[in-house]
C-alpha atoms as a PDB file:
ATOM      1  CA  MET A   1      11.550  14.902 -18.917  1.00  0.00           C
ATOM      2  CA  ASN A   2      14.186  16.591 -16.774  1.00  0.00           C
ATOM      3  CA  LYS A   3      16.735  14.168 -14.988  1.00  0.00           C
ATOM      4  CA  ILE A   4      18.372  14.560 -11.553  1.00  0.00           C
ATOM      5  CA  ILE A   5      20.971  12.040 -10.301  1.00  0.00           C
ATOM      6  CA  VAL A   6      21.248  11.254  -6.676  1.00  0.00           C
ATOM      7  CA  ASP A   7      24.365   9.492  -5.272  1.00  0.00           C
ATOM      8  CA  LYS A   8      25.206   9.316  -1.616  1.00  0.00           C
ATOM      9  CA  ASN A   9      28.714   8.735  -2.758  1.00  0.00           C
ATOM     10  CA  GLY A  10      29.138  12.095  -4.442  1.00  0.00           C
ATOM     11  CA  THR A  11      29.058  11.243  -8.164  1.00  0.00           C
ATOM     12  CA  GLY A  12      25.504  12.644  -8.888  1.00  0.00           C
ATOM     13  CA  ASP A  13      23.915  16.078  -8.653  1.00  0.00           C
ATOM     14  CA  PHE A  14      22.847  15.722  -5.009  1.00  0.00           C
ATOM     15  CA  LEU A  15      23.718  13.402  -2.014  1.00  0.00           C
ATOM     16  CA  GLY A  16      20.245  12.961  -0.728  1.00  0.00           C
ATOM     17  CA  VAL A  17      16.720  12.766  -2.213  1.00  0.00           C
ATOM     18  CA  ASN A  18      15.169  15.567  -0.218  1.00  0.00           C
ATOM     19  CA  GLU A  19      18.150  17.716  -1.562  1.00  0.00           C
ATOM     20  CA  ALA A  20      17.040  16.667  -5.093  1.00  0.00           C
ATOM     21  CA  LEU A  21      13.254  17.434  -4.343  1.00  0.00           C
ATOM     22  CA  ASN A  22      14.091  20.894  -3.140  1.00  0.00           C
ATOM     23  CA  SER A  23      15.776  21.857  -6.293  1.00  0.00           C
ATOM     24  CA  ILE A  24      12.583  21.181  -8.238  1.00  0.00           C
ATOM     25  CA  SER A  25      10.418  24.229  -9.423  1.00  0.00           C
ATOM     26  CA  GLY A  26       7.394  24.291 -11.560  1.00  0.00           C
ATOM     27  CA  LYS A  27       5.046  21.394 -12.577  1.00  0.00           C
ATOM     28  CA  ASN A  28       7.146  19.741 -15.343  1.00  0.00           C
ATOM     29  CA  SER A  29       7.909  16.077 -14.975  1.00  0.00           C
ATOM     30  CA  VAL A  30      11.066  15.182 -13.412  1.00  0.00           C
ATOM     31  CA  GLU A  31      12.924  11.953 -12.907  1.00  0.00           C
ATOM     32  CA  ILE A  32      15.140  11.368  -9.947  1.00  0.00           C
ATOM     33  CA  PHE A  33      17.457   8.655 -10.626  1.00  0.00           C
ATOM     34  CA  ILE A  34      18.773   7.259  -7.146  1.00  0.00           C
ATOM     35  CA  LYS A  35      22.050   5.298  -7.306  1.00  0.00           C
ATOM     36  CA  LYS A  36      22.735   2.301  -5.193  1.00  0.00           C
ATOM     37  CA  GLY A  37      22.814   2.888  -1.457  1.00  0.00           C
ATOM     38  CA  VAL A  38      20.789   3.062   1.807  1.00  0.00           C
ATOM     39  CA  TYR A  39      19.328   6.496   2.120  1.00  0.00           C
ATOM     40  CA  LYS A  40      18.224   7.165   5.659  1.00  0.00           C
ATOM     41  CA  GLU A  41      16.027  10.355   5.553  1.00  0.00           C
ATOM     42  CA  LYS A  42      12.305  11.168   5.966  1.00  0.00           C
ATOM     43  CA  ILE A  43      11.304  12.164   2.366  1.00  0.00           C
ATOM     44  CA  ILE A  44       8.402  14.310   1.704  1.00  0.00           C
ATOM     45  CA  VAL A  45       7.155  14.825  -2.042  1.00  0.00           C
ATOM     46  CA  ASP A  46       5.099  17.916  -2.495  1.00  0.00           C
ATOM     47  CA  LYS A  47       5.668  18.567  -6.236  1.00  0.00           C
ATOM     48  CA  PRO A  48       3.695  17.037  -9.072  1.00  0.00           C
ATOM     49  CA  ASN A  49       4.814  14.468 -11.774  1.00  0.00           C
ATOM     50  CA  VAL A  50       7.981  13.195  -9.892  1.00  0.00           C
ATOM     51  CA  LYS A  51       9.386   9.998 -10.783  1.00  0.00           C
ATOM     52  CA  PHE A  52      11.733   7.952  -8.774  1.00  0.00           C
ATOM     53  CA  VAL A  53      14.044   5.467 -10.440  1.00  0.00           C
ATOM     54  CA  GLY A  54      16.308   3.177  -8.453  1.00  0.00           C
ATOM     55  CA  GLU A  55      19.623   1.971 -10.024  1.00  0.00           C
ATOM     56  CA  SER A  56      18.897  -1.499  -8.391  1.00  0.00           C
ATOM     57  CA  LEU A  57      15.707  -2.715  -6.835  1.00  0.00           C
ATOM     58  CA  MET A  58      17.449  -4.540  -3.963  1.00  0.00           C
ATOM     59  CA  GLU A  59      20.178  -2.038  -3.477  1.00  0.00           C
ATOM     60  CA  THR A  60      18.502   1.305  -3.785  1.00  0.00           C
ATOM     61  CA  VAL A  61      16.637   1.729  -0.415  1.00  0.00           C
ATOM     62  CA  LEU A  62      14.775   4.634   1.012  1.00  0.00           C
ATOM     63  CA  THR A  63      14.487   4.095   4.712  1.00  0.00           C
ATOM     64  CA  TYR A  64      13.630   5.496   8.070  1.00  0.00           C
ATOM     65  CA  ASP A  65      12.676   4.003  11.522  1.00  0.00           C
ATOM     66  CA  ASP A  66       9.884   5.942  13.134  1.00  0.00           C
ATOM     67  CA  GLY A  67       7.085   4.160  14.893  1.00  0.00           C
ATOM     68  CA  ALA A  68       3.789   5.546  16.229  1.00  0.00           C
ATOM     69  CA  LEU A  69       4.962   5.023  19.863  1.00  0.00           C
ATOM     70  CA  GLY A  70       8.021   7.202  19.409  1.00  0.00           C
ATOM     71  CA  ILE A  71       7.979  10.581  20.718  1.00  0.00           C
ATOM     72  CA  ASP A  72       7.245  13.516  18.443  1.00  0.00           C
ATOM     73  CA  PRO A  73       9.796  16.164  19.236  1.00  0.00           C
ATOM     74  CA  ASP A  74       7.303  18.879  18.302  1.00  0.00           C
ATOM     75  CA  THR A  75       4.683  17.795  20.889  1.00  0.00           C
ATOM     76  CA  ASN A  76       6.648  15.633  23.130  1.00  0.00           C
ATOM     77  CA  LYS A  77       3.719  13.078  22.717  1.00  0.00           C
ATOM     78  CA  PRO A  78       3.707   9.845  20.916  1.00  0.00           C
ATOM     79  CA  MET A  79       3.783  10.723  17.131  1.00  0.00           C
ATOM     80  CA  GLY A  80       0.961   8.362  15.969  1.00  0.00           C
ATOM     81  CA  THR A  81       0.643   6.553  12.692  1.00  0.00           C
ATOM     82  CA  PHE A  82       0.551   9.305  10.227  1.00  0.00           C
ATOM     83  CA  LYS A  83       3.775  10.826  11.154  1.00  0.00           C
ATOM     84  CA  THR A  84       5.824   7.623  10.979  1.00  0.00           C
ATOM     85  CA  ALA A  85       6.036   7.475   7.150  1.00  0.00           C
ATOM     86  CA  SER A  86       9.665   6.956   5.660  1.00  0.00           C
ATOM     87  CA  VAL A  87       8.431   8.456   2.330  1.00  0.00           C
ATOM     88  CA  HIS A  88       5.284  10.693   2.270  1.00  0.00           C
ATOM     89  CA  ILE A  89       3.661  11.828  -1.079  1.00  0.00           C
ATOM     90  CA  LEU A  90       1.512  14.799  -0.304  1.00  0.00           C
ATOM     91  CA  ARG A  91      -1.648  15.478  -2.270  1.00  0.00           C
ATOM     92  CA  GLU A  92       0.468  18.113  -4.078  1.00  0.00           C
ATOM     93  CA  GLY A  93       2.503  15.247  -5.605  1.00  0.00           C
ATOM     94  CA  GLU A  94      -0.184  14.153  -8.036  1.00  0.00           C
ATOM     95  CA  GLY A  95       1.405  11.919 -10.749  1.00  0.00           C
ATOM     96  CA  PHE A  96       3.918  10.390  -8.531  1.00  0.00           C
ATOM     97  CA  SER A  97       5.629   7.280  -9.982  1.00  0.00           C
ATOM     98  CA  ALA A  98       8.577   4.936  -9.004  1.00  0.00           C
ATOM     99  CA  CYS A  99      10.266   1.860 -10.247  1.00  0.00           C
ATOM    100  CA  ASP A 100      13.194  -0.393  -9.263  1.00  0.00           C
ATOM    101  CA  ILE A 101      13.348   0.890  -5.806  1.00  0.00           C
ATOM    102  CA  THR A 102      12.730  -0.155  -2.179  1.00  0.00           C
ATOM    103  CA  PHE A 103      10.694   1.844   0.360  1.00  0.00           C
ATOM    104  CA  GLU A 104      11.236   0.685   4.076  1.00  0.00           C
ATOM    105  CA  ASN A 105      10.352   1.457   7.558  1.00  0.00           C
ATOM    106  CA  SER A 106      12.819  -0.512   9.765  1.00  0.00           C
ATOM    107  CA  ALA A 107      11.314   0.569  13.061  1.00  0.00           C
ATOM    108  CA  GLY A 108      10.315  -3.137  13.942  1.00  0.00           C
ATOM    109  CA  MET A 109       7.426  -5.022  15.450  1.00  0.00           C
ATOM    110  CA  GLY A 110       4.196  -3.182  15.975  1.00  0.00           C
ATOM    111  CA  ASP A 111       3.909  -4.706  19.502  1.00  0.00           C
ATOM    112  CA  VAL A 112       7.057  -2.716  20.323  1.00  0.00           C
ATOM    113  CA  VAL A 113       7.103   0.383  18.217  1.00  0.00           C
ATOM    114  CA  GLY A 114       3.533   0.797  17.122  1.00  0.00           C
ATOM    115  CA  GLN A 115       2.438   1.437  13.496  1.00  0.00           C
ATOM    116  CA  ALA A 116       5.221   2.206  11.148  1.00  0.00           C
ATOM    117  CA  VAL A 117       4.572   3.388   7.663  1.00  0.00           C
ATOM    118  CA  ALA A 118       7.085   2.817   4.769  1.00  0.00           C
ATOM    119  CA  LEU A 119       5.065   4.484   2.114  1.00  0.00           C
ATOM    120  CA  TYR A 120       2.343   7.287   2.622  1.00  0.00           C
ATOM    121  CA  LEU A 121       0.502   8.005  -0.721  1.00  0.00           C
ATOM    122  CA  ASP A 122      -1.973  10.908  -0.336  1.00  0.00           C
ATOM    123  CA  CYS A 123      -1.942  11.856  -3.955  1.00  0.00           C
ATOM    124  CA  ASP A 124      -3.879  10.914  -7.148  1.00  0.00           C
ATOM    125  CA  LYS A 125      -2.504   8.932  -9.954  1.00  0.00           C
ATOM    126  CA  ALA A 126       0.431   7.250  -8.279  1.00  0.00           C
ATOM    127  CA  TYR A 127       1.979   4.434 -10.237  1.00  0.00           C
ATOM    128  CA  LEU A 128       4.564   1.984  -8.690  1.00  0.00           C
ATOM    129  CA  LYS A 129       6.242  -0.657 -10.828  1.00  0.00           C
ATOM    130  CA  ASN A 130       8.697  -3.222  -9.725  1.00  0.00           C
ATOM    131  CA  CYS A 131       9.119  -1.867  -6.326  1.00  0.00           C
ATOM    132  CA  ARG A 132       9.405  -3.310  -2.738  1.00  0.00           C
ATOM    133  CA  LEU A 133       7.781  -2.062   0.273  1.00  0.00           C
ATOM    134  CA  LEU A 134       9.088  -3.294   3.537  1.00  0.00           C
ATOM    135  CA  GLY A 135       7.692  -3.065   7.005  1.00  0.00           C
ATOM    136  CA  ARG A 136       5.698  -4.727   9.750  1.00  0.00           C
ATOM    137  CA  GLN A 137       2.410  -3.073  10.949  1.00  0.00           C
ATOM    138  CA  ASP A 138       1.003  -0.534   8.541  1.00  0.00           C
ATOM    139  CA  THR A 139       3.503  -0.706   5.765  1.00  0.00           C
ATOM    140  CA  LEU A 140       1.527   0.856   2.941  1.00  0.00           C
ATOM    141  CA  LEU A 141      -1.000   3.725   3.548  1.00  0.00           C
ATOM    142  CA  THR A 142      -3.113   4.514   0.561  1.00  0.00           C
ATOM    143  CA  ALA A 143      -4.867   7.738   1.658  1.00  0.00           C
ATOM    144  CA  PRO A 144      -7.226   9.670   1.900  1.00  0.00           C
ATOM    145  CA  MET A 145      -9.239   8.489   4.872  1.00  0.00           C
ATOM    146  CA  HIS A 146     -12.866   8.025   4.216  1.00  0.00           C
ATOM    147  CA  GLU A 147     -14.029  11.179   5.981  1.00  0.00           C
ATOM    148  CA  ASP A 148     -11.495  13.116   3.673  1.00  0.00           C
ATOM    149  CA  ILE A 149     -13.141  11.600   0.597  1.00  0.00           C
ATOM    150  CA  ALA A 150     -16.598  12.700   1.555  1.00  0.00           C
ATOM    151  CA  LYS A 151     -15.531  16.399   1.968  1.00  0.00           C
ATOM    152  CA  GLU A 152     -16.312  19.072  -0.590  1.00  0.00           C
ATOM    153  CA  PRO A 153     -14.640  19.244  -2.940  1.00  0.00           C
ATOM    154  CA  LYS A 154     -14.587  15.417  -3.022  1.00  0.00           C
ATOM    155  CA  ARG A 155     -11.035  13.732  -3.077  1.00  0.00           C
ATOM    156  CA  LEU A 156     -10.398  10.689  -5.026  1.00  0.00           C
ATOM    157  CA  ASN A 157      -6.861   9.138  -4.857  1.00  0.00           C
ATOM    158  CA  ARG A 158      -6.051   6.291  -7.445  1.00  0.00           C
ATOM    159  CA  HIS A 159      -2.992   4.184  -7.105  1.00  0.00           C
ATOM    160  CA  PHE A 160      -1.691   1.436  -9.260  1.00  0.00           C
ATOM    161  CA  PHE A 161       0.885  -1.159  -8.138  1.00  0.00           C
ATOM    162  CA  GLU A 162       2.324  -3.530 -10.715  1.00  0.00           C
ATOM    163  CA  ASN A 163       4.859  -6.393 -10.181  1.00  0.00           C
ATOM    164  CA  CYS A 164       5.563  -5.076  -6.745  1.00  0.00           C
ATOM    165  CA  TYR A 165       6.545  -6.870  -3.361  1.00  0.00           C
ATOM    166  CA  ILE A 166       4.863  -5.769  -0.245  1.00  0.00           C
ATOM    167  CA  GLU A 167       5.404  -7.155   3.179  1.00  0.00           C
ATOM    168  CA  GLY A 168       4.173  -6.656   6.637  1.00  0.00           C
ATOM    169  CA  ASP A 169       1.955  -8.289   9.236  1.00  0.00           C
ATOM    170  CA  VAL A 170      -0.978  -6.426  10.802  1.00  0.00           C
ATOM    171  CA  ASP A 171      -3.198  -4.340   8.416  1.00  0.00           C
ATOM    172  CA  PHE A 172      -0.256  -3.603   6.300  1.00  0.00           C
ATOM    173  CA  ILE A 173      -2.084  -2.468   3.323  1.00  0.00           C
ATOM    174  CA  PHE A 174      -4.581   0.090   4.565  1.00  0.00           C
ATOM    175  CA  GLY A 175      -6.566   3.325   3.644  1.00  0.00           C
ATOM    176  CA  GLY A 176      -9.426   4.846   1.522  1.00  0.00           C
ATOM    177  CA  ALA A 177      -7.905   5.175  -1.970  1.00  0.00           C
ATOM    178  CA  VAL A 178      -8.966   3.322  -5.042  1.00  0.00           C
ATOM    179  CA  ALA A 179      -5.888   1.017  -5.503  1.00  0.00           C
ATOM    180  CA  VAL A 180      -5.164  -1.802  -7.864  1.00  0.00           C
ATOM    181  CA  PHE A 181      -2.444  -4.403  -7.285  1.00  0.00           C
ATOM    182  CA  LYS A 182      -1.439  -6.386 -10.467  1.00  0.00           C
ATOM    183  CA  ASP A 183       1.076  -9.200 -10.512  1.00  0.00           C
ATOM    184  CA  CYS A 184       2.208  -8.480  -7.043  1.00  0.00           C
ATOM    185  CA  GLU A 185       3.535 -10.698  -4.186  1.00  0.00           C
ATOM    186  CA  ILE A 186       1.947  -9.769  -0.818  1.00  0.00           C
ATOM    187  CA  CYS A 187       3.953 -11.416   1.905  1.00  0.00           C
ATOM    188  CA  GLY A 188       2.621 -11.795   5.599  1.00  0.00           C
ATOM    189  CA  LEU A 189       5.520 -12.017   8.071  1.00  0.00           C
ATOM    190  CA  ASP A 190       5.519 -14.291  11.062  1.00  0.00           C
ATOM    191  CA  ARG A 191       4.621 -12.844  14.414  1.00  0.00           C
ATOM    192  CA  LYS A 192       4.526 -16.381  15.861  1.00  0.00           C
ATOM    193  CA  LYS A 193       0.799 -15.892  17.219  1.00  0.00           C
ATOM    194  CA  GLU A 194      -2.412 -17.568  16.706  1.00  0.00           C
ATOM    195  CA  ILE A 195      -3.310 -14.801  14.383  1.00  0.00           C
ATOM    196  CA  ASN A 196      -0.219 -13.603  12.527  1.00  0.00           C
ATOM    197  CA  GLY A 197      -1.995 -10.793  10.796  1.00  0.00           C
ATOM    198  CA  TYR A 198      -4.273  -9.141   8.094  1.00  0.00           C
ATOM    199  CA  TYR A 199      -3.151  -8.181   4.616  1.00  0.00           C
ATOM    200  CA  THR A 200      -5.572  -5.390   4.193  1.00  0.00           C
ATOM    201  CA  ALA A 201      -7.848  -2.791   6.208  1.00  0.00           C
ATOM    202  CA  ALA A 202      -9.718  -0.691   3.799  1.00  0.00           C
ATOM    203  CA  CYS A 203     -11.681   2.442   4.775  1.00  0.00           C
ATOM    204  CA  THR A 204     -13.473   2.992   1.512  1.00  0.00           C
ATOM    205  CA  ALA A 205     -16.009   5.732   1.479  1.00  0.00           C
ATOM    206  CA  LYS A 206     -19.572   5.001   1.256  1.00  0.00           C
ATOM    207  CA  ASP A 207     -20.410   6.256  -2.393  1.00  0.00           C
ATOM    208  CA  MET A 208     -17.370   4.774  -3.811  1.00  0.00           C
ATOM    209  CA  ASP A 209     -17.618   1.968  -6.486  1.00  0.00           C
ATOM    210  CA  PHE A 210     -14.282   0.383  -5.816  1.00  0.00           C
ATOM    211  CA  GLY A 211     -11.722   0.244  -3.099  1.00  0.00           C
ATOM    212  CA  TYR A 212      -8.878  -2.401  -3.105  1.00  0.00           C
ATOM    213  CA  VAL A 213      -8.712  -4.691  -6.094  1.00  0.00           C
ATOM    214  CA  PHE A 214      -5.987  -7.523  -6.331  1.00  0.00           C
ATOM    215  CA  ILE A 215      -5.542  -9.055  -9.729  1.00  0.00           C
ATOM    216  CA  ASP A 216      -3.287 -12.180 -10.410  1.00  0.00           C
ATOM    217  CA  CYS A 217      -1.427 -11.677  -7.137  1.00  0.00           C
ATOM    218  CA  GLU A 218       0.283 -14.254  -4.888  1.00  0.00           C
ATOM    219  CA  PHE A 219      -0.203 -14.198  -1.123  1.00  0.00           C
ATOM    220  CA  THR A 220       2.800 -15.635   0.599  1.00  0.00           C
ATOM    221  CA  THR A 221       4.364 -15.778   4.058  1.00  0.00           C
ATOM    222  CA  ASP A 222       7.502 -16.740   5.753  1.00  0.00           C
ATOM    223  CA  SER A 223       5.513 -18.724   8.424  1.00  0.00           C
ATOM    224  CA  ALA A 224       5.031 -22.357   8.455  1.00  0.00           C
ATOM    225  CA  ALA A 225       1.837 -22.037  10.425  1.00  0.00           C
ATOM    226  CA  GLU A 226      -1.453 -22.803   8.634  1.00  0.00           C
ATOM    227  CA  GLY A 227      -4.652 -20.642   8.801  1.00  0.00           C
ATOM    228  CA  THR A 228      -3.080 -17.696  10.801  1.00  0.00           C
ATOM    229  CA  TYR A 229      -3.736 -14.909   8.194  1.00  0.00           C
ATOM    230  CA  TYR A 230      -6.718 -13.176   6.980  1.00  0.00           C
ATOM    231  CA  LEU A 231      -6.897 -11.385   3.469  1.00  0.00           C
ATOM    232  CA  GLY A 232      -8.515  -8.523   5.145  1.00  0.00           C
ATOM    233  CA  ARG A 233     -10.776  -6.850   7.609  1.00  0.00           C
ATOM    234  CA  PRO A 234     -13.029  -3.627   7.259  1.00  0.00           C
ATOM    235  CA  TRP A 235     -11.407  -0.670   9.027  1.00  0.00           C
ATOM    236  CA  ARG A 236     -14.447   1.375   8.359  1.00  0.00           C
ATOM    237  CA  GLU A 237     -18.219   0.326   7.485  1.00  0.00           C
ATOM    238  CA  PHE A 238     -18.023   0.646   3.801  1.00  0.00           C
ATOM    239  CA  ALA A 239     -14.743  -1.082   3.035  1.00  0.00           C
ATOM    240  CA  LYS A 240     -14.306  -2.674  -0.295  1.00  0.00           C
ATOM    241  CA  THR A 241     -11.833  -5.358  -1.051  1.00  0.00           C
ATOM    242  CA  VAL A 242     -11.798  -7.693  -3.995  1.00  0.00           C
ATOM    243  CA  PHE A 243      -9.268 -10.463  -5.109  1.00  0.00           C
ATOM    244  CA  LEU A 244      -9.385 -11.910  -8.681  1.00  0.00           C
ATOM    245  CA  ASN A 245      -7.362 -14.869  -9.924  1.00  0.00           C
ATOM    246  CA  CYS A 246      -5.140 -14.725  -6.859  1.00  0.00           C
ATOM    247  CA  ASN A 247      -3.077 -17.635  -5.256  1.00  0.00           C
ATOM    248  CA  MET A 248      -3.640 -18.219  -1.626  1.00  0.00           C
ATOM    249  CA  GLY A 249      -1.134 -20.156   0.410  1.00  0.00           C
ATOM    250  CA  LYS A 250      -2.075 -22.520   3.147  1.00  0.00           C
ATOM    251  CA  HIS A 251      -1.253 -19.807   5.752  1.00  0.00           C
ATOM    252  CA  ILE A 252      -4.671 -18.019   4.660  1.00  0.00           C
ATOM    253  CA  ASN A 253      -7.469 -18.719   7.043  1.00  0.00           C
ATOM    254  CA  LYS A 254     -10.316 -20.731   5.191  1.00  0.00           C
ATOM    255  CA  LYS A 255     -12.714 -17.958   6.184  1.00  0.00           C
ATOM    256  CA  SER A 256     -10.559 -15.600   4.146  1.00  0.00           C
ATOM    257  CA  PHE A 257     -11.910 -12.421   5.927  1.00  0.00           C
ATOM    258  CA  SER A 258     -12.157 -11.354   9.515  1.00  0.00           C
ATOM    259  CA  LYS A 259     -14.769  -8.919  11.028  1.00  0.00           C
ATOM    260  CA  TRP A 260     -13.018  -6.004  12.841  1.00  0.00           C
ATOM    261  CA  LYS A 261     -12.667  -6.498  16.616  1.00  0.00           C
ATOM    262  CA  ASN A 262     -15.896  -4.937  18.355  1.00  0.00           C
ATOM    263  CA  PHE A 263     -17.354  -3.823  15.202  1.00  0.00           C
ATOM    264  CA  GLU A 264     -19.529  -6.806  14.119  1.00  0.00           C
ATOM    265  CA  GLU A 265     -21.985  -4.466  12.359  1.00  0.00           C
ATOM    266  CA  ARG A 266     -19.358  -3.756   9.567  1.00  0.00           C
ATOM    267  CA  SER A 267     -19.931  -7.032   8.029  1.00  0.00           C
ATOM    268  CA  GLU A 268     -23.370  -5.840   7.014  1.00  0.00           C
ATOM    269  CA  THR A 269     -22.216  -2.740   5.125  1.00  0.00           C
ATOM    270  CA  CYS A 270     -18.711  -3.726   3.828  1.00  0.00           C
ATOM    271  CA  TYR A 271     -18.067  -5.444   0.393  1.00  0.00           C
ATOM    272  CA  TYR A 272     -15.345  -8.313   0.359  1.00  0.00           C
ATOM    273  CA  ALA A 273     -15.352 -10.677  -2.579  1.00  0.00           C
ATOM    274  CA  GLN A 274     -13.154 -13.249  -4.539  1.00  0.00           C
ATOM    275  CA  TYR A 275     -13.111 -14.483  -8.007  1.00  0.00           C
ATOM    276  CA  GLU A 276     -11.265 -17.652  -9.189  1.00  0.00           C
ATOM    277  CA  SER A 277      -9.125 -17.872  -6.125  1.00  0.00           C
ATOM    278  CA  TYR A 278      -6.878 -20.793  -5.901  1.00  0.00           C
ATOM    279  CA  GLY A 279      -4.288 -22.526  -3.756  1.00  0.00           C
ATOM    280  CA  ASP A 280      -4.035 -24.481  -0.542  1.00  0.00           C
ATOM    281  CA  GLY A 281      -5.460 -21.502   1.395  1.00  0.00           C
ATOM    282  CA  PHE A 282      -8.801 -21.364  -0.635  1.00  0.00           C
ATOM    283  CA  ASP A 283     -11.932 -23.322  -0.003  1.00  0.00           C
ATOM    284  CA  ASP A 284     -15.058 -21.673  -1.495  1.00  0.00           C
ATOM    285  CA  SER A 285     -17.215 -23.782   0.975  1.00  0.00           C
ATOM    286  CA  SER A 286     -15.653 -22.209   4.063  1.00  0.00           C
ATOM    287  CA  VAL A 287     -15.403 -18.585   3.294  1.00  0.00           C
ATOM    288  CA  ALA A 288     -17.087 -16.082   5.658  1.00  0.00           C
ATOM    289  CA  ASP A 289     -20.844 -15.933   4.982  1.00  0.00           C
ATOM    290  CA  TRP A 290     -20.826 -12.150   4.865  1.00  0.00           C
ATOM    291  CA  THR A 291     -18.564 -12.264   1.899  1.00  0.00           C
ATOM    292  CA  TYR A 292     -18.989 -13.029  -1.905  1.00  0.00           C
ATOM    293  CA  ILE A 293     -17.830 -15.321  -4.732  1.00  0.00           C
ATOM    294  CA  LEU A 294     -18.096 -13.561  -7.869  1.00  0.00           C
ATOM    295  CA  SER A 295     -19.823 -14.896 -11.086  1.00  0.00           C
ATOM    296  CA  ASP A 296     -18.025 -14.557 -14.434  1.00  0.00           C
ATOM    297  CA  ASP A 297     -20.388 -11.649 -15.298  1.00  0.00           C
ATOM    298  CA  GLU A 298     -19.781  -9.838 -11.824  1.00  0.00           C
ATOM    299  CA  ALA A 299     -15.949 -10.046 -12.282  1.00  0.00           C
ATOM    300  CA  LYS A 300     -15.983  -8.427 -15.818  1.00  0.00           C
ATOM    301  CA  ILE A 301     -16.369  -4.954 -14.187  1.00  0.00           C
ATOM    302  CA  TYR A 302     -12.916  -5.111 -12.551  1.00  0.00           C
ATOM    303  CA  THR A 303     -10.935  -3.670 -15.420  1.00  0.00           C
ATOM    304  CA  LEU A 304      -8.547  -0.669 -15.154  1.00  0.00           C
ATOM    305  CA  GLU A 305     -10.759   1.515 -17.351  1.00  0.00           C
ATOM    306  CA  ASN A 306     -13.829   0.987 -15.064  1.00  0.00           C
ATOM    307  CA  ILE A 307     -11.867   1.308 -11.881  1.00  0.00           C
ATOM    308  CA  PHE A 308      -9.597   4.608 -12.767  1.00  0.00           C
ATOM    309  CA  LYS A 309     -12.063   6.128 -15.167  1.00  0.00           C
ATOM    310  CA  ASP A 310     -10.247   8.936 -16.898  1.00  0.00           C
ATOM    311  CA  TRP A 311      -6.729   7.757 -15.817  1.00  0.00           C
ATOM    312  CA  ASN A 312      -4.671   5.140 -17.628  1.00  0.00           C
ATOM    313  CA  PRO A 313      -1.626   4.555 -15.627  1.00  0.00           C
ATOM    314  CA  ILE A 314       0.025   2.483 -18.460  1.00  0.00           C
ATOM    315  CA  VAL A 315       0.076   5.403 -21.100  1.00  0.00           C
ATOM    316  CA  GLY A 316       3.336   7.295 -21.307  1.00  0.00           C
ATOM    317  CA  GLU A 317       5.197   4.688 -19.080  1.00  0.00           C
END
């Protein structure tokens, strides 16, 4: 694997991440080692098999501060959610991976700046290990959208997050990809409101077997308020989100899941389920009646092999 070193202080091959990306040609695997520092640049990855490696999880930060309500200089109109990403992995970036690095959108509260994406994954076979994703509303976008999945040829994006920390407030993990989160801490931030937020908003396509799967994760908050967070709500009709062996803090609403505002019918077609949830925020007698508690046999299908099919993200790590 070729290796490129980025150092904003001048000791590497390039001062910035985009400079390093622009130097890559061909489809061979390339590791970009990014030294400590805050790199404020909108980063676009359009080449396959790129790996970001940070020198320090806490001190290597890729950041930008665009919000959806900000003005797009090209159109002179609000830019909207999908242009806000601090780091955007295009579909050409298949095989992207990252470890020991922080992705951030520092725009601020969604009530003020609108949605603000830290990481936009629109590629297949993305693997993030020991990373931090920081933002408020819409921190992590796991594309494609449901309508893109249904097009011919069909697109299937698969993403694996291992031992990562992800924070935000409203719908801050969202999209249509098949995504597994293993041993992650998912932190809901305090908005000091009656409903502080929703961890997930999936838009899984109709014919997909899996959407979001959380395994052995911990759902935390910086708020002292109880019952103000929902694990998820269906962004589209066939959203699928499943939690296995996850720790639910007392800030989780005992219903666990919320219907989408003004779209009550989505509860009839989506699939939300839990298996062996535990903690002060879980009560199996109180969960929403349109969701499921899985049996031992039903939970057995949620393996990486079944979910990701011919892709094993651990091989070649």
